[in-house]
Amino acid sequence: MIERADYIIPYFNNHFRFDKPPLAYWAQVASYRLFGENDFGARFPSTIAAALTALSIFAWGSRIGGNRVGWSAAIVFTLSLQTFVHAKAAVADMWLVLFVTLAHWAGCELFFAKKPGPELPESDEVVEAPVLRRSIAPSLRITVTKIESAGGRIFCWLMFYIALAFAFLAKGPIGWAPLLTVGSTIFFTGDPQVAKRFK
């Protein structure tokens, strides 16, 4: 891309290279501008993506179960073998993980979002997530603070679909895996109101 000044169509040895979408290449180009064309410049974007993923997991976990859950989830992710491998490799995987994580977080927020209406209370409500309890362990209590404002729902809606778009740019159709999560959740809960929150 840098040699040809073509940041749309990737080439390798003067041949088209369409094995992967361009997001990882764009990130590496930006890194090369900062650090030069070397191994560090090629690997640095993956490290940034891994760090952002850990922060996202911490924030999501804190929303579900407080800071202790957030820290535990982020530490487990950070110390995982595959995180160590891909966070220092010049590959697109960590960008995929980042945006799939963000899409799932936004989907979770939309799933537990309060229904709009004048009867809603003004204060935040912490509710138990029975679907998660049944799927993980009967004795595990998981709570989610429902987003209350219309602005919060719109933000999560935008976050969900923008994350899907960037996940596709990172790795291709596998980036749309959160749609399967949402679809299966709607199917098993049997609540048509949930589907409307994603439209």
C-alpha atoms as a PDB file:
ATOM      1  CA  MET A   1       0.000   0.000   0.000  1.00  0.00           C
ATOM      2  CA  ILE A   2       2.774   2.438   0.906  1.00  0.00           C
ATOM      3  CA  GLU A   3       4.876   1.659  -2.176  1.00  0.00           C
ATOM      4  CA  ARG A   4       1.942   2.057  -4.560  1.00  0.00           C
ATOM      5  CA  ALA A   5       0.226   4.814  -2.556  1.00  0.00           C
ATOM      6  CA  ASP A   6      -2.924   2.735  -2.980  1.00  0.00           C
ATOM      7  CA  TYR A   7      -4.713   2.302   0.330  1.00  0.00           C
ATOM      8  CA  ILE A   8      -7.767   0.570  -1.087  1.00  0.00           C
ATOM      9  CA  ILE A   9      -6.464  -2.452  -3.007  1.00  0.00           C
ATOM     10  CA  PRO A  10      -3.717  -4.465  -1.258  1.00  0.00           C
ATOM     11  CA  TYR A  11      -0.911  -6.069  -3.270  1.00  0.00           C
ATOM     12  CA  PHE A  12       1.790  -8.592  -2.388  1.00  0.00           C
ATOM     13  CA  ASN A  13       4.652  -9.278  -4.831  1.00  0.00           C
ATOM     14  CA  ASN A  14       2.724  -7.361  -7.499  1.00  0.00           C
ATOM     15  CA  HIS A  15      -0.324  -9.594  -7.117  1.00  0.00           C
ATOM     16  CA  PHE A  16      -3.691  -8.807  -5.599  1.00  0.00           C
ATOM     17  CA  ARG A  17      -3.953  -9.858  -1.968  1.00  0.00           C
ATOM     18  CA  PHE A  18      -7.584 -10.192  -0.973  1.00  0.00           C
ATOM     19  CA  ASP A  19      -7.047 -12.763   1.779  1.00  0.00           C
ATOM     20  CA  LYS A  20      -7.917 -10.225   4.473  1.00  0.00           C
ATOM     21  CA  PRO A  21      -9.859  -6.944   4.587  1.00  0.00           C
ATOM     22  CA  PRO A  22      -7.764  -3.769   4.866  1.00  0.00           C
ATOM     23  CA  LEU A  23      -8.264  -2.592   8.471  1.00  0.00           C
ATOM     24  CA  ALA A  24      -5.116  -4.251   9.835  1.00  0.00           C
ATOM     25  CA  TYR A  25      -3.112  -2.941   6.878  1.00  0.00           C
ATOM     26  CA  TRP A  26      -4.368   0.601   7.489  1.00  0.00           C
ATOM     27  CA  ALA A  27      -3.383   0.363  11.141  1.00  0.00           C
ATOM     28  CA  GLN A  28       0.080  -0.876  10.182  1.00  0.00           C
ATOM     29  CA  VAL A  29       0.512   1.927   7.653  1.00  0.00           C
ATOM     30  CA  ALA A  30      -0.260   4.474  10.374  1.00  0.00           C
ATOM     31  CA  SER A  31       2.162   2.705  12.713  1.00  0.00           C
ATOM     32  CA  TYR A  32       4.887   2.726  10.040  1.00  0.00           C
ATOM     33  CA  ARG A  33       4.456   6.487   9.736  1.00  0.00           C
ATOM     34  CA  LEU A  34       5.187   6.820  13.459  1.00  0.00           C
ATOM     35  CA  PHE A  35       7.854   4.165  14.066  1.00  0.00           C
ATOM     36  CA  GLY A  36       9.260   3.362  10.643  1.00  0.00           C
ATOM     37  CA  GLU A  37       8.927   0.202   8.573  1.00  0.00           C
ATOM     38  CA  ASN A  38      10.162  -2.354  11.082  1.00  0.00           C
ATOM     39  CA  ASP A  39       8.885  -5.258  13.166  1.00  0.00           C
ATOM     40  CA  PHE A  40       7.808  -3.009  16.013  1.00  0.00           C
ATOM     41  CA  GLY A  41       5.801  -0.817  13.667  1.00  0.00           C
ATOM     42  CA  ALA A  42       4.072  -3.881  12.225  1.00  0.00           C
ATOM     43  CA  ARG A  43       3.224  -5.410  15.617  1.00  0.00           C
ATOM     44  CA  PHE A  44       2.307  -2.259  17.559  1.00  0.00           C
ATOM     45  CA  PRO A  45      -1.306  -2.000  16.261  1.00  0.00           C
ATOM     46  CA  SER A  46      -2.095  -5.486  17.580  1.00  0.00           C
ATOM     47  CA  THR A  47      -0.824  -4.448  21.010  1.00  0.00           C
ATOM     48  CA  ILE A  48      -3.049  -1.364  20.949  1.00  0.00           C
ATOM     49  CA  ALA A  49      -6.050  -3.484  19.950  1.00  0.00           C
ATOM     50  CA  ALA A  50      -5.341  -5.931  22.789  1.00  0.00           C
ATOM     51  CA  ALA A  51      -5.089  -3.096  25.319  1.00  0.00           C
ATOM     52  CA  LEU A  52      -8.364  -1.571  24.107  1.00  0.00           C
ATOM     53  CA  THR A  53     -10.012  -4.988  24.329  1.00  0.00           C
ATOM     54  CA  ALA A  54      -8.848  -5.409  27.930  1.00  0.00           C
ATOM     55  CA  LEU A  55     -10.230  -1.960  28.806  1.00  0.00           C
ATOM     56  CA  SER A  56     -13.535  -2.796  27.117  1.00  0.00           C
ATOM     57  CA  ILE A  57     -13.798  -6.068  29.019  1.00  0.00           C
ATOM     58  CA  PHE A  58     -13.047  -4.266  32.284  1.00  0.00           C
ATOM     59  CA  ALA A  59     -15.750  -1.667  31.598  1.00  0.00           C
ATOM     60  CA  TRP A  60     -18.301  -4.278  30.540  1.00  0.00           C
ATOM     61  CA  GLY A  61     -17.524  -6.515  33.513  1.00  0.00           C
ATOM     62  CA  SER A  62     -17.828  -3.545  35.857  1.00  0.00           C
ATOM     63  CA  ARG A  63     -21.275  -2.816  34.435  1.00  0.00           C
ATOM     64  CA  ILE A  64     -22.360  -6.394  35.112  1.00  0.00           C
ATOM     65  CA  GLY A  65     -20.849  -7.103  38.510  1.00  0.00           C
ATOM     66  CA  GLY A  66     -18.816  -4.161  39.754  1.00  0.00           C
ATOM     67  CA  ASN A  67     -15.103  -3.397  39.596  1.00  0.00           C
ATOM     68  CA  ARG A  68     -14.080  -6.764  41.017  1.00  0.00           C
ATOM     69  CA  VAL A  69     -15.747  -8.621  38.148  1.00  0.00           C
ATOM     70  CA  GLY A  70     -14.352  -6.097  35.667  1.00  0.00           C
ATOM     71  CA  TRP A  71     -10.787  -6.486  36.905  1.00  0.00           C
ATOM     72  CA  SER A  72     -11.065 -10.282  37.039  1.00  0.00           C
ATOM     73  CA  ALA A  73     -12.369 -10.493  33.481  1.00  0.00           C
ATOM     74  CA  ALA A  74      -9.721  -8.126  32.131  1.00  0.00           C
ATOM     75  CA  ILE A  75      -6.902  -9.962  33.924  1.00  0.00           C
ATOM     76  CA  VAL A  76      -8.065 -13.375  32.700  1.00  0.00           C
ATOM     77  CA  PHE A  77      -8.200 -12.048  29.134  1.00  0.00           C
ATOM     78  CA  THR A  78      -4.793 -10.384  29.390  1.00  0.00           C
ATOM     79  CA  LEU A  79      -3.112 -13.509  30.795  1.00  0.00           C
ATOM     80  CA  SER A  80      -4.626 -15.857  28.206  1.00  0.00           C
ATOM     81  CA  LEU A  81      -2.138 -17.614  25.929  1.00  0.00           C
ATOM     82  CA  GLN A  82      -3.821 -16.540  22.696  1.00  0.00           C
ATOM     83  CA  THR A  83      -3.816 -12.926  23.856  1.00  0.00           C
ATOM     84  CA  PHE A  84      -0.071 -13.132  24.420  1.00  0.00           C
ATOM     85  CA  VAL A  85       0.414 -14.651  20.961  1.00  0.00           C
ATOM     86  CA  HIS A  86      -1.806 -12.356  18.923  1.00  0.00           C
ATOM     87  CA  ALA A  87      -1.148  -9.137  20.849  1.00  0.00           C
ATOM     88  CA  LYS A  88       2.442  -9.102  19.606  1.00  0.00           C
ATOM     89  CA  ALA A  89       1.862 -10.494  16.114  1.00  0.00           C
ATOM     90  CA  ALA A  90       1.309  -8.502  12.936  1.00  0.00           C
ATOM     91  CA  VAL A  91      -2.126 -10.022  12.324  1.00  0.00           C
ATOM     92  CA  ALA A  92      -5.739  -8.860  12.226  1.00  0.00           C
ATOM     93  CA  ASP A  93      -7.033 -11.107  15.013  1.00  0.00           C
ATOM     94  CA  MET A  94      -6.850  -8.633  17.886  1.00  0.00           C
ATOM     95  CA  TRP A  95      -8.808  -6.047  15.923  1.00  0.00           C
ATOM     96  CA  LEU A  96     -11.462  -8.677  15.292  1.00  0.00           C
ATOM     97  CA  VAL A  97     -11.578  -9.539  19.007  1.00  0.00           C
ATOM     98  CA  LEU A  98     -11.853  -5.859  19.940  1.00  0.00           C
ATOM     99  CA  PHE A  99     -14.811  -5.066  17.712  1.00  0.00           C
ATOM    100  CA  VAL A 100     -16.618  -8.350  18.361  1.00  0.00           C
ATOM    101  CA  THR A 101     -16.290  -7.609  22.089  1.00  0.00           C
ATOM    102  CA  LEU A 102     -17.685  -4.101  21.614  1.00  0.00           C
ATOM    103  CA  ALA A 103     -20.576  -5.441  19.536  1.00  0.00           C
ATOM    104  CA  HIS A 104     -21.449  -8.022  22.196  1.00  0.00           C
ATOM    105  CA  TRP A 105     -21.268  -5.386  24.918  1.00  0.00           C
ATOM    106  CA  ALA A 106     -23.578  -3.068  22.990  1.00  0.00           C
ATOM    107  CA  GLY A 107     -25.912  -5.981  22.269  1.00  0.00           C
ATOM    108  CA  CYS A 108     -26.032  -6.853  25.966  1.00  0.00           C
ATOM    109  CA  GLU A 109     -26.899  -3.261  26.835  1.00  0.00           C
ATOM    110  CA  LEU A 110     -29.680  -3.203  24.232  1.00  0.00           C
ATOM    111  CA  PHE A 111     -31.012  -6.555  25.420  1.00  0.00           C
ATOM    112  CA  PHE A 112     -31.450  -5.234  28.967  1.00  0.00           C
ATOM    113  CA  ALA A 113     -32.447  -1.691  27.943  1.00  0.00           C
ATOM    114  CA  LYS A 114     -35.512  -0.214  29.583  1.00  0.00           C
ATOM    115  CA  LYS A 115     -38.557   0.056  27.385  1.00  0.00           C
ATOM    116  CA  PRO A 116     -39.387   3.678  26.576  1.00  0.00           C
ATOM    117  CA  GLY A 117     -42.512   5.051  28.223  1.00  0.00           C
ATOM    118  CA  PRO A 118     -43.744   7.632  30.747  1.00  0.00           C
ATOM    119  CA  GLU A 119     -44.147   5.045  33.481  1.00  0.00           C
ATOM    120  CA  LEU A 120     -40.400   4.510  33.847  1.00  0.00           C
ATOM    121  CA  PRO A 121     -38.837   5.640  37.138  1.00  0.00           C
ATOM    122  CA  GLU A 122     -36.244   8.381  37.154  1.00  0.00           C
ATOM    123  CA  SER A 123     -33.543   6.430  38.995  1.00  0.00           C
ATOM    124  CA  ASP A 124     -31.345   3.688  37.583  1.00  0.00           C
ATOM    125  CA  GLU A 125     -32.514   0.168  38.221  1.00  0.00           C
ATOM    126  CA  VAL A 126     -30.267  -2.814  38.811  1.00  0.00           C
ATOM    127  CA  VAL A 127     -31.960  -5.989  37.695  1.00  0.00           C
ATOM    128  CA  GLU A 128     -31.080  -9.625  37.798  1.00  0.00           C
ATOM    129  CA  ALA A 129     -30.324 -11.294  34.488  1.00  0.00           C
ATOM    130  CA  PRO A 130     -32.241 -14.596  34.669  1.00  0.00           C
ATOM    131  CA  VAL A 131     -31.209 -15.745  31.199  1.00  0.00           C
ATOM    132  CA  LEU A 132     -27.550 -15.388  32.103  1.00  0.00           C
ATOM    133  CA  ARG A 133     -28.095 -17.099  35.433  1.00  0.00           C
ATOM    134  CA  ARG A 134     -29.644 -20.152  33.818  1.00  0.00           C
ATOM    135  CA  SER A 135     -26.963 -20.384  31.166  1.00  0.00           C
ATOM    136  CA  ILE A 136     -23.951 -20.032  33.469  1.00  0.00           C
ATOM    137  CA  ALA A 137     -24.791 -21.402  36.900  1.00  0.00           C
ATOM    138  CA  PRO A 138     -27.960 -21.455  38.996  1.00  0.00           C
ATOM    139  CA  SER A 139     -26.181 -19.983  42.013  1.00  0.00           C
ATOM    140  CA  LEU A 140     -24.453 -17.125  40.164  1.00  0.00           C
ATOM    141  CA  ARG A 141     -26.156 -13.762  40.490  1.00  0.00           C
ATOM    142  CA  ILE A 142     -25.458 -11.366  37.639  1.00  0.00           C
ATOM    143  CA  THR A 143     -26.876  -7.850  37.565  1.00  0.00           C
ATOM    144  CA  VAL A 144     -27.070  -5.324  34.778  1.00  0.00           C
ATOM    145  CA  THR A 145     -27.780  -1.625  35.221  1.00  0.00           C
ATOM    146  CA  LYS A 146     -30.366  -0.856  32.565  1.00  0.00           C
ATOM    147  CA  ILE A 147     -29.722   2.059  30.268  1.00  0.00           C
ATOM    148  CA  GLU A 148     -32.595   4.453  30.790  1.00  0.00           C
ATOM    149  CA  SER A 149     -32.268   7.377  28.379  1.00  0.00           C
ATOM    150  CA  ALA A 150     -33.108   7.344  24.681  1.00  0.00           C
ATOM    151  CA  GLY A 151     -29.641   8.753  24.038  1.00  0.00           C
ATOM    152  CA  GLY A 152     -28.076   5.769  25.764  1.00  0.00           C
ATOM    153  CA  ARG A 153     -30.061   3.342  23.641  1.00  0.00           C
ATOM    154  CA  ILE A 154     -29.140   5.187  20.442  1.00  0.00           C
ATOM    155  CA  PHE A 155     -25.474   5.175  21.450  1.00  0.00           C
ATOM    156  CA  CYS A 156     -25.541   1.408  22.064  1.00  0.00           C
ATOM    157  CA  TRP A 157     -27.403   0.860  18.789  1.00  0.00           C
ATOM    158  CA  LEU A 158     -24.756   2.823  16.884  1.00  0.00           C
ATOM    159  CA  MET A 159     -21.962   1.106  18.792  1.00  0.00           C
ATOM    160  CA  PHE A 160     -23.374  -2.317  17.888  1.00  0.00           C
ATOM    161  CA  TYR A 161     -23.543  -1.739  14.144  1.00  0.00           C
ATOM    162  CA  ILE A 162     -20.356   0.323  13.861  1.00  0.00           C
ATOM    163  CA  ALA A 163     -18.488  -2.424  15.729  1.00  0.00           C
ATOM    164  CA  LEU A 164     -19.933  -4.991  13.300  1.00  0.00           C
ATOM    165  CA  ALA A 165     -18.707  -2.893  10.370  1.00  0.00           C
ATOM    166  CA  PHE A 166     -15.182  -2.586  11.742  1.00  0.00           C
ATOM    167  CA  ALA A 167     -15.114  -6.271  12.668  1.00  0.00           C
ATOM    168  CA  PHE A 168     -15.925  -7.057   9.033  1.00  0.00           C
ATOM    169  CA  LEU A 169     -13.135  -4.712   7.909  1.00  0.00           C
ATOM    170  CA  ALA A 170     -10.776  -6.543  10.252  1.00  0.00           C
ATOM    171  CA  LYS A 171     -11.429 -10.168   9.334  1.00  0.00           C
ATOM    172  CA  GLY A 172     -14.363 -10.521   6.967  1.00  0.00           C
ATOM    173  CA  PRO A 173     -17.754 -12.210   7.507  1.00  0.00           C
ATOM    174  CA  ILE A 174     -16.670 -13.822  10.790  1.00  0.00           C
ATOM    175  CA  GLY A 175     -16.937 -10.314  12.233  1.00  0.00           C
ATOM    176  CA  TRP A 176     -20.712 -10.634  12.031  1.00  0.00           C
ATOM    177  CA  ALA A 177     -20.742 -13.436  14.616  1.00  0.00           C
ATOM    178  CA  PRO A 178     -22.486 -11.170  17.184  1.00  0.00           C
ATOM    179  CA  LEU A 179     -25.562 -11.277  14.940  1.00  0.00           C
ATOM    180  CA  LEU A 180     -25.784 -15.006  15.682  1.00  0.00           C
ATOM    181  CA  THR A 181     -25.604 -14.241  19.399  1.00  0.00           C
ATOM    182  CA  VAL A 182     -28.391 -11.692  19.121  1.00  0.00           C
ATOM    183  CA  GLY A 183     -30.509 -13.957  16.921  1.00  0.00           C
ATOM    184  CA  SER A 184     -30.189 -16.949  19.230  1.00  0.00           C
ATOM    185  CA  THR A 185     -30.961 -14.778  22.272  1.00  0.00           C
ATOM    186  CA  ILE A 186     -34.123 -13.451  20.646  1.00  0.00           C
ATOM    187  CA  PHE A 187     -35.106 -16.995  19.649  1.00  0.00           C
ATOM    188  CA  PHE A 188     -34.628 -18.537  23.098  1.00  0.00           C
ATOM    189  CA  THR A 189     -36.192 -15.672  25.048  1.00  0.00           C
ATOM    190  CA  GLY A 190     -39.173 -15.479  22.717  1.00  0.00           C
ATOM    191  CA  ASP A 191     -39.492 -11.736  23.343  1.00  0.00           C
ATOM    192  CA  PRO A 192     -40.312  -9.813  20.129  1.00  0.00           C
ATOM    193  CA  GLN A 193     -39.629  -6.517  21.907  1.00  0.00           C
ATOM    194  CA  VAL A 194     -35.938  -7.403  22.071  1.00  0.00           C
ATOM    195  CA  ALA A 195     -35.704  -7.627  18.282  1.00  0.00           C
ATOM    196  CA  LYS A 196     -37.132  -4.117  17.925  1.00  0.00           C
ATOM    197  CA  ARG A 197     -34.243  -2.675  19.917  1.00  0.00           C
ATOM    198  CA  PHE A 198     -31.815  -3.729  17.179  1.00  0.00           C
ATOM    199  CA  LYS A 199     -33.773  -2.168  14.294  1.00  0.00           C
END
